[in-house]
Amino acid sequence: MKIPAPRLPSQYTPLTDAAAFVEQARLSFDGELDLRQVSIEHLSFSEASFPRLSLRGVRVVACRFVGCDLSGADWADVQFVDCDFSGCDFTQTSFRRCSFSECKAVGTQWTDAALLEVAMQNCNFSYSNFASCALRKCMFSKCALPHTRFFSCSLQDCAFQPSDWTGATFFQTPLAALDLRAVQLDGLSADLESLRGAQVTRSQAADLAHLFGLRIAPD
């Protein structure tokens, strides 16, 4: 699967001052400004609030937004590299043509978020909650998603190649037509309707049999 890359400008304005970022984020919150064509680099925030932050054609590099409120944000054509979003709240945030590379997002909240044409590579989403999240044309490559929760999610034209779903939970989240042969499924919890139609290996099928009360007897 090929995911369109973010439409990024040829030149950026560096944004490396925390106070300047906070002021521009405030203007975005008030609906007065979209952050456009900037490169946000090496900024660090903890438990800060940036709701409804609007980003367009932006690079975010080596930044830390730990435990921050990023809910209701609207991000299009944004590239995230080597960032830490652990404990952040992305509730009702919209992502379009975004990419995440080498990012950490442990224990994040994605409830009611919408992701369209988003590529994730070498990222860690352990213990994150994707309840009621809509993902369309998204690629997770070499990503860690152990103990994540996907409740009542919509996954359309998505791929997880390869990824780690150890101990993850899927409920009312159809995985039909997904190729899971390169996904680590140890300890997966899921309902029958979620798994129906997913493509797995024979070994994976045997590992998943316990979910439906089946016992695999030796030949």
Protein backbone atom coordinates (compact mmCIF):
# COMPACT_ATOMS: atom_id res chain seq x y z
CA MET A 1 0.00 0.00 0.00
CA LYS A 2 1.28 3.45 -0.94
CA ILE A 3 0.24 6.36 1.25
CA PRO A 4 0.49 9.88 -0.24
CA ALA A 5 3.29 11.86 1.37
CA PRO A 6 2.47 15.13 3.13
CA ARG A 7 2.41 18.09 0.76
CA LEU A 8 5.26 20.06 2.28
CA PRO A 9 6.68 23.42 1.19
CA SER A 10 10.15 23.73 -0.29
CA GLN A 11 11.15 26.20 2.43
CA TYR A 12 10.23 26.55 6.09
CA THR A 13 10.41 29.23 8.73
CA PRO A 14 12.16 27.74 11.80
CA LEU A 15 10.14 27.85 15.02
CA THR A 16 12.41 26.93 17.92
CA ASP A 17 11.24 29.32 20.63
CA ALA A 18 8.70 27.89 23.08
CA ALA A 19 7.10 31.26 23.88
CA ALA A 20 6.60 32.00 20.19
CA PHE A 21 4.99 28.61 19.67
CA VAL A 22 2.63 29.14 22.62
CA GLU A 23 1.55 32.51 21.22
CA GLN A 24 0.91 31.12 17.75
CA ALA A 25 -0.93 28.18 19.27
CA ARG A 26 -3.14 30.65 21.15
CA LEU A 27 -3.99 32.45 17.91
CA SER A 28 -4.81 29.09 16.32
CA PHE A 29 -7.07 28.26 19.27
CA ASP A 30 -8.89 31.58 18.75
CA GLY A 31 -9.37 30.79 15.06
CA GLU A 32 -7.13 33.67 14.00
CA LEU A 33 -4.23 31.68 12.54
CA ASP A 34 -3.17 28.39 11.00
CA LEU A 35 0.45 27.46 11.63
CA ARG A 36 1.77 27.09 8.07
CA GLN A 37 5.12 26.38 6.46
CA VAL A 38 7.07 26.30 9.70
CA SER A 39 9.55 23.79 11.06
CA ILE A 40 8.91 23.25 14.77
CA GLU A 41 12.11 21.87 16.26
CA HIS A 42 13.42 20.75 19.67
CA LEU A 43 10.58 22.17 21.76
CA SER A 44 9.50 20.48 24.98
CA PHE A 45 6.16 20.78 26.80
CA SER A 46 4.67 18.80 29.67
CA GLU A 47 0.96 18.73 30.52
CA ALA A 48 0.35 21.84 28.40
CA SER A 49 -2.95 22.56 26.65
CA PHE A 50 -3.07 23.17 22.88
CA PRO A 51 -6.65 22.27 21.89
CA ARG A 52 -7.88 22.97 18.36
CA LEU A 53 -4.33 23.61 17.15
CA SER A 54 -4.31 23.97 13.35
CA LEU A 55 -1.20 22.89 11.40
CA ARG A 56 -0.74 23.07 7.61
CA GLY A 57 2.40 22.10 5.71
CA VAL A 58 4.50 21.82 8.87
CA ARG A 59 7.50 19.76 10.01
CA VAL A 60 7.75 18.82 13.70
CA VAL A 61 11.17 17.45 14.61
CA ALA A 62 12.54 16.15 17.93
CA CYS A 63 9.78 17.73 20.02
CA ARG A 64 8.23 16.53 23.30
CA PHE A 65 4.54 17.07 24.03
CA VAL A 66 4.25 14.77 27.04
CA GLY A 67 0.81 14.58 28.66
CA CYS A 68 -0.49 17.47 26.57
CA ASP A 69 -4.04 18.25 25.48
CA LEU A 70 -4.08 18.21 21.67
CA SER A 71 -7.77 17.45 21.36
CA GLY A 72 -9.86 18.84 18.53
CA ALA A 73 -6.76 19.73 16.50
CA ASP A 74 -6.80 19.85 12.70
CA TRP A 75 -3.54 18.74 11.11
CA ALA A 76 -3.00 18.42 7.37
CA ASP A 77 0.24 17.74 5.50
CA VAL A 78 2.34 17.48 8.64
CA GLN A 79 5.54 15.45 9.07
CA PHE A 80 6.49 14.30 12.59
CA VAL A 81 10.02 12.97 13.13
CA ASP A 82 11.50 11.68 16.41
CA CYS A 83 8.77 13.21 18.60
CA ASP A 84 7.37 12.10 21.96
CA PHE A 85 3.60 12.39 22.43
CA SER A 86 3.32 10.01 25.40
CA GLY A 87 0.18 10.53 27.45
CA CYS A 88 -1.29 13.06 25.01
CA ASP A 89 -4.98 13.48 24.30
CA PHE A 90 -5.86 13.44 20.57
CA THR A 91 -9.62 13.17 21.13
CA GLN A 92 -11.55 14.36 18.03
CA THR A 93 -8.32 15.39 16.30
CA SER A 94 -8.20 15.22 12.50
CA PHE A 95 -5.10 14.02 10.62
CA ARG A 96 -4.86 14.25 6.81
CA ARG A 97 -1.80 13.29 4.78
CA CYS A 98 0.44 13.15 7.85
CA SER A 99 3.47 10.98 8.56
CA PHE A 100 4.99 9.84 11.85
CA SER A 101 8.52 8.43 11.89
CA GLU A 102 10.43 7.19 14.95
CA CYS A 103 7.81 8.69 17.28
CA LYS A 104 6.73 7.63 20.76
CA ALA A 105 3.06 7.87 21.70
CA VAL A 106 2.65 5.55 24.68
CA GLY A 107 -0.64 5.77 26.57
CA THR A 108 -2.24 8.21 24.14
CA GLN A 109 -5.97 8.85 23.74
CA TRP A 110 -7.38 8.81 20.16
CA THR A 111 -11.12 8.66 20.91
CA ASP A 112 -13.23 9.88 17.96
CA ALA A 113 -10.09 10.90 16.04
CA ALA A 114 -10.10 10.76 12.24
CA LEU A 115 -6.98 9.65 10.32
CA LEU A 116 -6.92 9.86 6.52
CA GLU A 117 -3.84 8.90 4.49
CA VAL A 118 -1.55 8.70 7.51
CA ALA A 119 1.74 6.76 7.52
CA MET A 120 3.34 5.54 10.76
CA GLN A 121 6.81 4.02 10.72
CA ASN A 122 8.85 2.68 13.64
CA CYS A 123 6.49 4.23 16.18
CA ASN A 124 5.44 3.07 19.66
CA PHE A 125 1.72 3.30 20.50
CA SER A 126 1.73 0.91 23.47
CA TYR A 127 -1.24 1.13 25.87
CA SER A 128 -3.07 3.62 23.66
CA ASN A 129 -6.84 3.90 23.26
CA PHE A 130 -8.31 4.15 19.74
CA ALA A 131 -11.99 3.95 20.73
CA SER A 132 -14.45 5.10 18.04
CA CYS A 133 -11.51 6.12 15.86
CA ALA A 134 -11.88 6.27 12.05
CA LEU A 135 -8.81 5.24 10.04
CA ARG A 136 -8.82 5.32 6.25
CA LYS A 137 -5.86 4.58 4.00
CA CYS A 138 -3.42 4.34 6.91
CA MET A 139 -0.18 2.37 7.08
CA PHE A 140 1.49 1.13 10.28
CA SER A 141 4.96 -0.17 9.44
CA LYS A 142 7.19 -1.71 12.11
CA CYS A 143 5.02 -0.17 14.81
CA ALA A 144 4.50 -1.35 18.39
CA LEU A 145 0.84 -1.48 19.43
CA PRO A 146 0.88 -3.88 22.40
CA HIS A 147 -2.01 -3.58 24.85
CA THR A 148 -3.79 -1.03 22.68
CA ARG A 149 -7.59 -0.89 22.56
CA PHE A 150 -9.60 -0.61 19.36
CA PHE A 151 -13.29 -0.35 20.33
CA SER A 152 -15.96 0.46 17.71
CA CYS A 153 -13.36 1.60 15.21
CA SER A 154 -13.58 1.87 11.43
CA LEU A 155 -10.52 0.64 9.50
CA GLN A 156 -10.75 1.12 5.74
CA ASP A 157 -7.89 0.34 3.36
CA CYS A 158 -5.40 0.09 6.23
CA ALA A 159 -2.25 -2.01 6.54
CA PHE A 160 -0.13 -3.16 9.48
CA GLN A 161 3.08 -4.52 7.97
CA PRO A 162 4.65 -5.67 10.24
CA SER A 163 3.42 -4.60 13.64
CA ASP A 164 3.14 -5.86 17.20
CA TRP A 165 -0.41 -6.32 18.56
CA THR A 166 0.62 -8.34 21.63
CA GLY A 167 -2.16 -8.15 24.23
CA ALA A 168 -4.23 -5.74 22.12
CA THR A 169 -8.04 -5.71 22.28
CA PHE A 170 -10.38 -5.39 19.29
CA PHE A 171 -14.13 -5.13 19.86
CA GLN A 172 -16.73 -4.22 17.26
CA THR A 173 -13.87 -3.25 14.95
CA PRO A 174 -14.10 -5.21 11.67
CA LEU A 175 -10.74 -6.44 10.40
CA ALA A 176 -12.17 -7.99 7.23
CA ALA A 177 -9.73 -7.94 4.28
CA LEU A 178 -6.80 -6.93 6.52
CA ASP A 179 -3.64 -8.97 5.99
CA LEU A 180 -2.38 -9.82 9.49
CA ARG A 181 0.22 -12.41 8.52
CA ALA A 182 3.11 -10.11 9.53
CA VAL A 183 1.45 -9.00 12.77
CA GLN A 184 2.39 -10.34 16.21
CA LEU A 185 -0.93 -11.52 17.72
CA ASP A 186 0.16 -13.11 21.01
CA GLY A 187 -2.45 -12.56 23.72
CA LEU A 188 -4.83 -10.77 21.35
CA SER A 189 -8.40 -10.34 22.59
CA ALA A 190 -11.15 -9.90 20.00
CA ASP A 191 -14.76 -10.74 19.25
CA LEU A 192 -15.69 -13.02 16.33
CA GLU A 193 -17.21 -10.23 14.26
CA SER A 194 -13.99 -8.21 14.47
CA LEU A 195 -11.83 -11.10 13.25
CA ARG A 196 -14.18 -12.38 10.55
CA GLY A 197 -12.53 -12.17 7.14
CA ALA A 198 -9.03 -11.20 8.34
CA GLN A 199 -6.14 -12.98 6.65
CA VAL A 200 -3.88 -14.92 9.03
CA THR A 201 -1.40 -17.78 8.87
CA ARG A 202 -2.22 -21.34 9.99
CA SER A 203 -0.08 -20.82 13.09
CA GLN A 204 -1.89 -17.59 13.94
CA ALA A 205 -5.26 -19.28 13.46
CA ALA A 206 -4.27 -21.94 15.97
CA ASP A 207 -3.16 -19.25 18.44
CA LEU A 208 -6.50 -17.43 18.04
CA ALA A 209 -8.63 -20.56 18.49
CA HIS A 210 -8.80 -20.07 22.26
CA LEU A 211 -10.83 -16.89 21.76
CA PHE A 212 -13.74 -19.02 20.59
CA GLY A 213 -13.39 -21.86 23.05
CA LEU A 214 -11.63 -24.19 20.65
CA ARG A 215 -9.02 -26.70 21.78
CA ILE A 216 -6.39 -27.76 19.27
CA ALA A 217 -5.75 -31.50 19.61
CA PRO A 218 -2.59 -33.16 18.32
CA ASP A 219 -2.86 -35.04 15.02
